[in-house]
């Protein structure tokens, strides 16, 4: 029902920047959760950042992404982006964008809405884009 297509991955040197994009189609864009996740060989898939596309949404970042990454979305363009700065080899992974159309990732916080970092809360996933950071 929802199609997600990532782009923007590639190889960069440590300390560099990279911007990932995710085109969203197949469903009404507003009012649900979107997130970026990553997975490297031998490790569990983990959340990087999430964002709510409706009113009063606020992004939420994993500790590893705070102060370095910025998640954003464009309602008009129906795109999700992840601006990654100060990249390190530890950021090397396959990056996936995900969507929750069931409301399971929805979290009410005082004054605004955030989205969970639980993999199981998201029901649609993109194909992934590889990010490789060399030293």
C-alpha atoms as a PDB file:
ATOM      1  CA  UNK A   1       0.000   0.000   0.000  1.00  0.00           C
ATOM      2  CA  UNK A   2       2.913   2.326   0.748  1.00  0.00           C
ATOM      3  CA  UNK A   3       5.981   2.426  -1.431  1.00  0.00           C
ATOM      4  CA  UNK A   4       9.265   3.742  -0.121  1.00  0.00           C
ATOM      5  CA  UNK A   5      12.294   4.312  -2.307  1.00  0.00           C
ATOM      6  CA  UNK A   6      15.592   5.387  -0.783  1.00  0.00           C
ATOM      7  CA  UNK A   7      18.393   7.150  -2.570  1.00  0.00           C
ATOM      8  CA  UNK A   8      21.542   9.063  -1.770  1.00  0.00           C
ATOM      9  CA  UNK A   9      23.721   6.345  -0.290  1.00  0.00           C
ATOM     10  CA  UNK A  10      27.346   5.969  -1.195  1.00  0.00           C
ATOM     11  CA  UNK A  11      30.895   6.008   0.081  1.00  0.00           C
ATOM     12  CA  UNK A  12      32.303   8.919   2.016  1.00  0.00           C
ATOM     13  CA  UNK A  13      35.334   9.657   4.112  1.00  0.00           C
ATOM     14  CA  UNK A  14      35.138  10.000   7.878  1.00  0.00           C
ATOM     15  CA  UNK A  15      34.087  13.484   8.843  1.00  0.00           C
ATOM     16  CA  UNK A  16      32.123  13.964   5.665  1.00  0.00           C
ATOM     17  CA  UNK A  17      28.425  14.409   5.053  1.00  0.00           C
ATOM     18  CA  UNK A  18      25.750  12.589   3.140  1.00  0.00           C
ATOM     19  CA  UNK A  19      22.077  13.207   2.513  1.00  0.00           C
ATOM     20  CA  UNK A  20      19.624  10.349   2.155  1.00  0.00           C
ATOM     21  CA  UNK A  21      16.203  10.726   0.606  1.00  0.00           C
ATOM     22  CA  UNK A  22      13.099   8.570   0.669  1.00  0.00           C
ATOM     23  CA  UNK A  23      10.241   9.044  -1.755  1.00  0.00           C
ATOM     24  CA  UNK A  24       6.881   8.087  -0.281  1.00  0.00           C
ATOM     25  CA  UNK A  25       3.905   7.063  -2.391  1.00  0.00           C
ATOM     26  CA  UNK A  26       0.761   4.950  -2.285  1.00  0.00           C
ATOM     27  CA  UNK A  27      -0.915   6.490   0.746  1.00  0.00           C
ATOM     28  CA  UNK A  28      -1.912   9.787   2.258  1.00  0.00           C
ATOM     29  CA  UNK A  29       1.290  11.362   3.451  1.00  0.00           C
ATOM     30  CA  UNK A  30       0.046  13.311   6.438  1.00  0.00           C
ATOM     31  CA  UNK A  31      -0.657  11.921   9.862  1.00  0.00           C
ATOM     32  CA  UNK A  32       1.625   8.934  10.304  1.00  0.00           C
ATOM     33  CA  UNK A  33       5.122   8.065  11.403  1.00  0.00           C
ATOM     34  CA  UNK A  34       8.206   7.804   9.255  1.00  0.00           C
ATOM     35  CA  UNK A  35      11.635   6.709  10.333  1.00  0.00           C
ATOM     36  CA  UNK A  36      15.168   5.931   9.313  1.00  0.00           C
ATOM     37  CA  UNK A  37      16.739   2.672  10.438  1.00  0.00           C
ATOM     38  CA  UNK A  38      20.058   1.041   9.750  1.00  0.00           C
ATOM     39  CA  UNK A  39      21.568  -2.401   9.899  1.00  0.00           C
ATOM     40  CA  UNK A  40      25.108  -3.673   9.545  1.00  0.00           C
ATOM     41  CA  UNK A  41      26.194  -7.314   9.172  1.00  0.00           C
ATOM     42  CA  UNK A  42      25.843  -9.273  12.397  1.00  0.00           C
ATOM     43  CA  UNK A  43      23.848  -6.583  14.149  1.00  0.00           C
ATOM     44  CA  UNK A  44      20.191  -5.948  14.807  1.00  0.00           C
ATOM     45  CA  UNK A  45      18.347  -3.323  12.868  1.00  0.00           C
ATOM     46  CA  UNK A  46      18.255  -0.117  14.866  1.00  0.00           C
ATOM     47  CA  UNK A  47      16.476   3.185  14.631  1.00  0.00           C
ATOM     48  CA  UNK A  48      18.344   6.327  13.690  1.00  0.00           C
ATOM     49  CA  UNK A  49      15.583   8.911  13.783  1.00  0.00           C
ATOM     50  CA  UNK A  50      11.835   9.241  13.453  1.00  0.00           C
ATOM     51  CA  UNK A  51       9.348  11.955  12.654  1.00  0.00           C
ATOM     52  CA  UNK A  52       5.599  12.481  12.593  1.00  0.00           C
ATOM     53  CA  UNK A  53       4.169  13.948   9.396  1.00  0.00           C
ATOM     54  CA  UNK A  54       1.128  15.558  10.977  1.00  0.00           C
ATOM     55  CA  UNK A  55       0.645  18.699  12.992  1.00  0.00           C
ATOM     56  CA  UNK A  56       2.821  19.357  16.020  1.00  0.00           C
ATOM     57  CA  UNK A  57       5.218  16.580  15.201  1.00  0.00           C
ATOM     58  CA  UNK A  58       8.695  16.555  16.642  1.00  0.00           C
ATOM     59  CA  UNK A  59      11.660  14.494  15.474  1.00  0.00           C
ATOM     60  CA  UNK A  60      13.284  12.000  17.789  1.00  0.00           C
ATOM     61  CA  UNK A  61      16.872  10.840  17.458  1.00  0.00           C
ATOM     62  CA  UNK A  62      18.861   7.885  18.646  1.00  0.00           C
ATOM     63  CA  UNK A  63      21.790   8.834  20.843  1.00  0.00           C
ATOM     64  CA  UNK A  64      24.197   7.987  18.038  1.00  0.00           C
ATOM     65  CA  UNK A  65      22.502  10.488  15.747  1.00  0.00           C
ATOM     66  CA  UNK A  66      21.989  13.413  18.078  1.00  0.00           C
ATOM     67  CA  UNK A  67      23.901  16.548  17.119  1.00  0.00           C
ATOM     68  CA  UNK A  68      25.061  14.944  13.886  1.00  0.00           C
ATOM     69  CA  UNK A  69      21.990  13.929  11.902  1.00  0.00           C
ATOM     70  CA  UNK A  70      18.865  15.841  10.946  1.00  0.00           C
ATOM     71  CA  UNK A  71      15.649  14.161   9.894  1.00  0.00           C
ATOM     72  CA  UNK A  72      13.069  16.149   7.976  1.00  0.00           C
ATOM     73  CA  UNK A  73      10.114  15.669   5.687  1.00  0.00           C
ATOM     74  CA  UNK A  74       8.425  17.590   2.933  1.00  0.00           C
ATOM     75  CA  UNK A  75       4.667  17.211   2.808  1.00  0.00           C
ATOM     76  CA  UNK A  76       4.399  18.715  -0.645  1.00  0.00           C
ATOM     77  CA  UNK A  77       7.158  16.610  -2.171  1.00  0.00           C
ATOM     78  CA  UNK A  78       6.246  13.534  -0.108  1.00  0.00           C
ATOM     79  CA  UNK A  79       9.833  12.891   0.776  1.00  0.00           C
ATOM     80  CA  UNK A  80      11.728  11.967   3.898  1.00  0.00           C
ATOM     81  CA  UNK A  81      15.343  13.019   4.254  1.00  0.00           C
ATOM     82  CA  UNK A  82      18.229  12.324   6.564  1.00  0.00           C
ATOM     83  CA  UNK A  83      21.111  14.760   6.563  1.00  0.00           C
ATOM     84  CA  UNK A  84      24.139  13.033   8.048  1.00  0.00           C
ATOM     85  CA  UNK A  85      27.147  15.021   9.173  1.00  0.00           C
ATOM     86  CA  UNK A  86      30.422  14.180  10.891  1.00  0.00           C
ATOM     87  CA  UNK A  87      30.181  10.609   9.694  1.00  0.00           C
ATOM     88  CA  UNK A  88      32.331   7.903  11.245  1.00  0.00           C
ATOM     89  CA  UNK A  89      33.031   4.285  10.235  1.00  0.00           C
ATOM     90  CA  UNK A  90      30.504   3.226  12.884  1.00  0.00           C
ATOM     91  CA  UNK A  91      27.811   4.755  10.690  1.00  0.00           C
ATOM     92  CA  UNK A  92      28.505   2.223   7.949  1.00  0.00           C
ATOM     93  CA  UNK A  93      25.308   0.265   7.363  1.00  0.00           C
ATOM     94  CA  UNK A  94      22.381  -0.327   5.090  1.00  0.00           C
ATOM     95  CA  UNK A  95      19.923   2.472   5.722  1.00  0.00           C
ATOM     96  CA  UNK A  96      16.188   1.925   5.404  1.00  0.00           C
ATOM     97  CA  UNK A  97      13.259   4.262   5.538  1.00  0.00           C
ATOM     98  CA  UNK A  98      10.086   2.949   7.100  1.00  0.00           C
ATOM     99  CA  UNK A  99       6.464   3.944   7.532  1.00  0.00           C
ATOM    100  CA  UNK A 100       3.770   3.071  10.040  1.00  0.00           C
ATOM    101  CA  UNK A 101       0.248   3.266   8.643  1.00  0.00           C
ATOM    102  CA  UNK A 102      -1.344   1.436  11.587  1.00  0.00           C
ATOM    103  CA  UNK A 103      -0.624   4.020  14.254  1.00  0.00           C
ATOM    104  CA  UNK A 104       1.501   1.679  16.353  1.00  0.00           C
ATOM    105  CA  UNK A 105       4.493   4.027  16.336  1.00  0.00           C
ATOM    106  CA  UNK A 106       2.376   6.994  17.387  1.00  0.00           C
ATOM    107  CA  UNK A 107       3.416   8.470  20.730  1.00  0.00           C
ATOM    108  CA  UNK A 108       1.731  11.353  22.483  1.00  0.00           C
ATOM    109  CA  UNK A 109       4.075  13.683  24.290  1.00  0.00           C
ATOM    110  CA  UNK A 110       3.151  16.871  26.092  1.00  0.00           C
ATOM    111  CA  UNK A 111       2.360  19.428  23.418  1.00  0.00           C
ATOM    112  CA  UNK A 112       3.485  17.364  20.432  1.00  0.00           C
ATOM    113  CA  UNK A 113       3.718  13.963  18.813  1.00  0.00           C
ATOM    114  CA  UNK A 114       6.710  11.689  18.395  1.00  0.00           C
ATOM    115  CA  UNK A 115       7.242   8.322  16.757  1.00  0.00           C
ATOM    116  CA  UNK A 116       8.716   5.224  18.306  1.00  0.00           C
ATOM    117  CA  UNK A 117      12.032   3.589  17.506  1.00  0.00           C
ATOM    118  CA  UNK A 118      10.628   0.065  17.612  1.00  0.00           C
ATOM    119  CA  UNK A 119      11.185  -1.883  14.410  1.00  0.00           C
ATOM    120  CA  UNK A 120       7.970  -3.853  14.938  1.00  0.00           C
ATOM    121  CA  UNK A 121       5.903  -0.668  14.948  1.00  0.00           C
ATOM    122  CA  UNK A 122       6.611  -0.007  11.272  1.00  0.00           C
ATOM    123  CA  UNK A 123       4.879  -2.019   8.583  1.00  0.00           C
ATOM    124  CA  UNK A 124       6.363  -0.717   5.342  1.00  0.00           C
ATOM    125  CA  UNK A 125      10.019  -0.611   4.410  1.00  0.00           C
ATOM    126  CA  UNK A 126      12.144   0.587   1.546  1.00  0.00           C
ATOM    127  CA  UNK A 127      14.768  -1.481  -0.217  1.00  0.00           C
ATOM    128  CA  UNK A 128      17.638   0.194   1.585  1.00  0.00           C
ATOM    129  CA  UNK A 129      20.600   2.261   0.499  1.00  0.00           C
ATOM    130  CA  UNK A 130      24.162   1.456   1.455  1.00  0.00           C
ATOM    131  CA  UNK A 131      26.288   3.947   3.343  1.00  0.00           C
ATOM    132  CA  UNK A 132      29.973   3.244   3.711  1.00  0.00           C
ATOM    133  CA  UNK A 133      32.245   5.501   5.727  1.00  0.00           C
ATOM    134  CA  UNK A 134      35.980   4.997   5.411  1.00  0.00           C
ATOM    135  CA  UNK A 135      38.693   6.228   7.727  1.00  0.00           C
END
